[in-house]
């Protein structure tokens, strides 16, 4: 949790809060690709990208 707090503090002090949704979307898409890598639905997810 220290990394998340540090990242949030950096974004807040540098006035770069517009990066927060971008980072969140990248993390969600990365997690989706990692979870779907070995599953049956992987070919269907990969066609979305």
N, C-alpha and C. Protein backbone atom coordinates (compact mmCIF):
# COMPACT_ATOMS: atom_id res chain seq x y z
N UNK A 1 0.82 -1.20 0.00
CA UNK A 1 0.00 0.00 0.00
C UNK A 1 0.86 1.26 0.00
N UNK A 2 2.11 1.13 0.34
CA UNK A 2 2.99 2.30 0.37
C UNK A 2 3.22 2.87 -1.02
N UNK A 3 3.29 1.99 -2.01
CA UNK A 3 3.50 2.45 -3.39
C UNK A 3 2.30 3.23 -3.88
N UNK A 4 1.11 2.76 -3.55
CA UNK A 4 -0.11 3.45 -3.99
C UNK A 4 -0.21 4.82 -3.33
N UNK A 5 0.09 4.88 -2.04
CA UNK A 5 0.04 6.16 -1.33
C UNK A 5 1.08 7.13 -1.88
N UNK A 6 2.25 6.61 -2.19
CA UNK A 6 3.31 7.45 -2.75
C UNK A 6 2.93 7.97 -4.13
N UNK A 7 2.34 7.11 -4.94
CA UNK A 7 1.90 7.52 -6.27
C UNK A 7 0.81 8.58 -6.17
N UNK A 8 -0.15 8.39 -5.28
CA UNK A 8 -1.23 9.36 -5.10
C UNK A 8 -0.67 10.71 -4.64
N UNK A 9 0.28 10.68 -3.71
CA UNK A 9 0.89 11.92 -3.22
C UNK A 9 1.65 12.63 -4.34
N UNK A 10 2.34 11.87 -5.18
CA UNK A 10 3.05 12.45 -6.31
C UNK A 10 2.08 13.12 -7.28
N UNK A 11 0.97 12.42 -7.61
CA UNK A 11 0.00 12.98 -8.54
C UNK A 11 -0.66 14.23 -7.96
N UNK A 12 -0.88 14.24 -6.66
CA UNK A 12 -1.55 15.38 -6.04
C UNK A 12 -0.63 16.59 -5.96
N UNK A 13 0.63 16.39 -5.60
CA UNK A 13 1.53 17.53 -5.46
C UNK A 13 1.95 18.10 -6.81
N UNK A 14 2.05 17.26 -7.82
CA UNK A 14 2.45 17.73 -9.15
C UNK A 14 1.28 18.19 -10.00
N UNK A 15 0.06 18.16 -9.44
CA UNK A 15 -1.16 18.57 -10.15
C UNK A 15 -1.36 17.76 -11.43
N UNK A 16 -1.14 16.47 -11.33
CA UNK A 16 -1.32 15.57 -12.46
C UNK A 16 -2.41 14.55 -12.16
N UNK A 17 -3.51 15.01 -11.58
CA UNK A 17 -4.60 14.10 -11.22
C UNK A 17 -5.30 13.52 -12.45
N UNK A 18 -5.11 14.12 -13.60
CA UNK A 18 -5.72 13.58 -14.81
C UNK A 18 -5.08 12.24 -15.20
N UNK A 19 -3.93 11.91 -14.64
CA UNK A 19 -3.28 10.63 -14.93
C UNK A 19 -3.90 9.48 -14.14
N UNK A 20 -4.60 9.76 -13.06
CA UNK A 20 -5.16 8.71 -12.21
C UNK A 20 -6.12 7.79 -12.97
N UNK A 21 -7.11 8.31 -13.73
CA UNK A 21 -7.98 7.39 -14.47
C UNK A 21 -7.23 6.58 -15.53
N UNK A 22 -6.22 7.18 -16.11
CA UNK A 22 -5.43 6.48 -17.12
C UNK A 22 -4.68 5.30 -16.51
N UNK A 23 -4.08 5.51 -15.36
CA UNK A 23 -3.37 4.44 -14.66
C UNK A 23 -4.35 3.35 -14.24
N UNK A 24 -5.52 3.73 -13.76
CA UNK A 24 -6.53 2.76 -13.34
C UNK A 24 -6.97 1.88 -14.51
N UNK A 25 -7.23 2.48 -15.66
CA UNK A 25 -7.66 1.72 -16.84
C UNK A 25 -6.56 0.78 -17.30
N UNK A 26 -5.32 1.24 -17.28
CA UNK A 26 -4.21 0.36 -17.67
C UNK A 26 -4.08 -0.83 -16.73
N UNK A 27 -4.26 -0.61 -15.44
CA UNK A 27 -4.18 -1.71 -14.48
C UNK A 27 -5.32 -2.71 -14.68
N UNK A 28 -6.52 -2.22 -14.94
CA UNK A 28 -7.66 -3.11 -15.16
C UNK A 28 -7.46 -3.94 -16.42
N UNK A 29 -7.03 -3.32 -17.51
CA UNK A 29 -6.80 -4.07 -18.75
C UNK A 29 -5.67 -5.08 -18.60
N UNK A 30 -4.62 -4.70 -17.89
CA UNK A 30 -3.52 -5.63 -17.64
C UNK A 30 -3.96 -6.82 -16.81
N UNK A 31 -4.76 -6.56 -15.78
CA UNK A 31 -5.28 -7.66 -14.96
C UNK A 31 -6.20 -8.57 -15.74
N UNK A 32 -7.01 -7.98 -16.62
CA UNK A 32 -7.89 -8.78 -17.45
C UNK A 32 -7.10 -9.69 -18.38
N UNK A 33 -6.05 -9.18 -18.97
CA UNK A 33 -5.24 -10.01 -19.86
C UNK A 33 -4.50 -11.11 -19.10
N UNK A 34 -4.05 -10.82 -17.91
CA UNK A 34 -3.36 -11.84 -17.11
C UNK A 34 -4.32 -12.94 -16.68
N UNK A 35 -5.52 -12.55 -16.24
CA UNK A 35 -6.49 -13.55 -15.79
C UNK A 35 -7.03 -14.39 -16.94
N UNK A 36 -7.15 -13.81 -18.11
CA UNK A 36 -7.75 -14.52 -19.24
C UNK A 36 -6.73 -15.32 -20.05
N UNK A 37 -5.49 -15.26 -19.67
CA UNK A 37 -4.44 -15.90 -20.46
C UNK A 37 -4.61 -17.42 -20.55
N UNK A 38 -5.02 -18.04 -19.49
CA UNK A 38 -5.13 -19.49 -19.50
C UNK A 38 -6.56 -20.00 -19.53
N UNK A 39 -7.51 -19.13 -19.77
CA UNK A 39 -8.89 -19.56 -19.71
C UNK A 39 -9.46 -19.85 -21.09
N UNK A 40 -10.68 -20.33 -21.10
CA UNK A 40 -11.35 -20.69 -22.35
C UNK A 40 -11.80 -19.44 -23.10
N UNK A 41 -12.07 -18.36 -22.38
CA UNK A 41 -12.57 -17.14 -23.03
C UNK A 41 -11.46 -16.27 -23.61
N UNK A 42 -10.21 -16.70 -23.50
CA UNK A 42 -9.09 -15.90 -23.99
C UNK A 42 -9.21 -15.52 -25.46
N UNK A 43 -9.58 -16.43 -26.38
CA UNK A 43 -9.68 -15.99 -27.77
C UNK A 43 -10.73 -14.90 -27.99
N UNK A 44 -11.78 -14.90 -27.19
CA UNK A 44 -12.82 -13.88 -27.35
C UNK A 44 -12.37 -12.52 -26.81
N UNK A 45 -11.59 -12.54 -25.73
CA UNK A 45 -11.09 -11.30 -25.17
C UNK A 45 -10.04 -10.69 -26.08
N UNK A 46 -9.18 -11.52 -26.65
CA UNK A 46 -8.12 -11.00 -27.51
C UNK A 46 -8.68 -10.38 -28.79
N UNK A 47 -9.86 -10.79 -29.22
CA UNK A 47 -10.42 -10.17 -30.41
C UNK A 47 -10.91 -8.75 -30.14
N UNK A 48 -11.14 -8.41 -28.87
CA UNK A 48 -11.55 -7.05 -28.53
C UNK A 48 -10.40 -6.06 -28.72
N UNK A 49 -9.18 -6.54 -28.58
CA UNK A 49 -8.03 -5.65 -28.69
C UNK A 49 -7.42 -5.79 -30.05
